[in-house]
Amino acid sequence: MALSAPLFYQTVVLVLDLVVGLIAFGLTVVSFGHCLIQRADAFTAIGTLPKPGWLALLGGTALLGLVHIVYSLPFGLLVQMIGAAAGLIYLLDVRAGLRGLTDGRGGW
């Protein structure tokens, strides 16, 4: 007799996928919003990707993440994890550099 997973495992996987996807989507949207209001010359001053590059990366992954949440794409969670990683890099590294450049208090 073979043991099998409970009948509700697909529901658990779908709910976890949705929760992780919503968190990653929120992270990329917050990063995109912060990037949108920053000055373009500040990005080159701190030596990172230019502002249009960050906007394209964060906006593209946020858009694909939204499509994944609505339509459940096959590789959508992978795209959302890439977007979450880009959002974390932006918030923890680039935002700190921009903050140090604009108000002079520094990051960490």
Protein backbone atom coordinates (compact mmCIF):
# COMPACT_ATOMS: atom_id res chain seq x y z
CA MET A 1 0.00 0.00 0.00
CA ALA A 2 1.48 3.33 -1.07
CA LEU A 3 1.08 6.38 1.05
CA SER A 4 0.01 9.55 -0.68
CA ALA A 5 -0.17 13.21 0.20
CA PRO A 6 -3.38 14.54 1.73
CA LEU A 7 -6.07 15.63 -0.66
CA PHE A 8 -5.61 19.31 0.13
CA TYR A 9 -1.91 19.59 -0.78
CA GLN A 10 -2.67 21.44 -4.01
CA THR A 11 -4.64 24.03 -2.08
CA VAL A 12 -1.76 24.52 0.35
CA VAL A 13 0.71 24.92 -2.52
CA LEU A 14 -1.55 27.45 -4.26
CA VAL A 15 -2.04 29.49 -1.08
CA LEU A 16 1.69 29.53 -0.32
CA ASP A 17 2.42 30.49 -3.92
CA LEU A 18 -0.07 33.35 -3.67
CA VAL A 19 1.32 34.61 -0.35
CA VAL A 20 4.94 34.54 -1.53
CA GLY A 21 3.88 36.14 -4.81
CA LEU A 22 2.03 38.97 -3.08
CA ILE A 23 4.97 39.71 -0.79
CA ALA A 24 7.39 39.75 -3.74
CA PHE A 25 5.00 41.91 -5.77
CA GLY A 26 4.65 44.41 -2.93
CA LEU A 27 8.42 44.59 -2.53
CA THR A 28 8.97 45.33 -6.22
CA VAL A 29 6.18 47.93 -6.29
CA VAL A 30 7.62 49.76 -3.26
CA SER A 31 11.08 49.70 -4.85
CA PHE A 32 9.69 50.93 -8.17
CA GLY A 33 7.81 53.76 -6.45
CA HIS A 34 10.91 54.91 -4.58
CA CYS A 35 13.00 54.75 -7.74
CA LEU A 36 10.42 56.78 -9.62
CA ILE A 37 10.71 59.82 -7.34
CA GLN A 38 14.53 59.98 -7.23
CA ARG A 39 16.71 62.27 -9.35
CA ALA A 40 18.27 60.61 -12.40
CA ASP A 41 21.73 62.11 -11.92
CA ALA A 42 22.00 60.67 -8.40
CA PHE A 43 22.16 57.13 -9.78
CA THR A 44 25.24 57.85 -11.84
CA ALA A 45 26.80 59.73 -8.91
CA ILE A 46 26.71 56.63 -6.72
CA GLY A 47 27.93 54.37 -9.54
CA THR A 48 24.97 52.07 -10.09
CA LEU A 49 22.61 51.31 -12.95
CA PRO A 50 21.01 54.44 -14.39
CA LYS A 51 17.48 55.30 -13.33
CA PRO A 52 15.83 53.97 -16.54
CA GLY A 53 17.59 50.64 -16.00
CA TRP A 54 16.25 50.29 -12.47
CA LEU A 55 12.79 51.39 -13.58
CA ALA A 56 12.77 48.83 -16.40
CA LEU A 57 13.99 46.02 -14.14
CA LEU A 58 11.65 46.74 -11.25
CA GLY A 59 8.67 47.72 -13.39
CA GLY A 60 9.03 44.72 -15.69
CA THR A 61 9.24 42.23 -12.86
CA ALA A 62 6.34 43.92 -11.05
CA LEU A 63 4.22 43.71 -14.20
CA LEU A 64 5.11 40.05 -14.77
CA GLY A 65 4.45 39.39 -11.08
CA LEU A 66 0.99 40.89 -11.38
CA VAL A 67 0.30 38.77 -14.45
CA HIS A 68 1.47 35.72 -12.51
CA ILE A 69 -0.83 36.52 -9.58
CA VAL A 70 -3.83 36.92 -11.88
CA TYR A 71 -3.18 34.13 -14.42
CA SER A 72 -0.74 31.79 -12.58
CA LEU A 73 2.04 31.56 -15.16
CA PRO A 74 4.28 28.46 -15.14
CA PHE A 75 7.50 30.34 -14.34
CA GLY A 76 5.85 33.33 -12.70
CA LEU A 77 7.11 32.61 -9.20
CA LEU A 78 10.67 32.47 -10.51
CA VAL A 79 10.20 35.89 -12.13
CA GLN A 80 8.77 37.22 -8.88
CA MET A 81 11.77 35.94 -6.93
CA ILE A 82 14.07 37.71 -9.40
CA GLY A 83 11.99 40.85 -8.88
CA ALA A 84 12.14 40.45 -5.11
CA ALA A 85 15.92 40.07 -5.27
CA ALA A 86 16.19 43.18 -7.45
CA GLY A 87 13.89 45.05 -5.08
CA LEU A 88 15.94 44.04 -2.06
CA ILE A 89 19.18 45.06 -3.78
CA TYR A 90 17.61 48.39 -4.65
CA LEU A 91 16.22 49.05 -1.18
CA LEU A 92 19.25 47.86 0.79
CA ASP A 93 22.06 49.15 -1.42
CA VAL A 94 20.95 51.78 -3.93
CA ARG A 95 18.44 53.49 -1.65
CA ALA A 96 21.06 53.75 1.08
CA GLY A 97 23.51 55.31 -1.39
CA LEU A 98 20.90 57.74 -2.64
CA ARG A 99 20.02 58.68 0.91
CA GLY A 100 23.65 59.29 1.76
CA LEU A 101 24.05 61.43 -1.32
CA THR A 102 20.97 63.57 -0.83
CA ASP A 103 20.81 64.33 2.89
CA GLY A 104 24.39 63.55 3.92
CA ARG A 105 23.62 61.25 6.81
CA GLY A 106 24.84 58.09 5.09
CA GLY A 107 23.31 54.66 4.98
CA TRP A 108 24.12 52.16 7.68
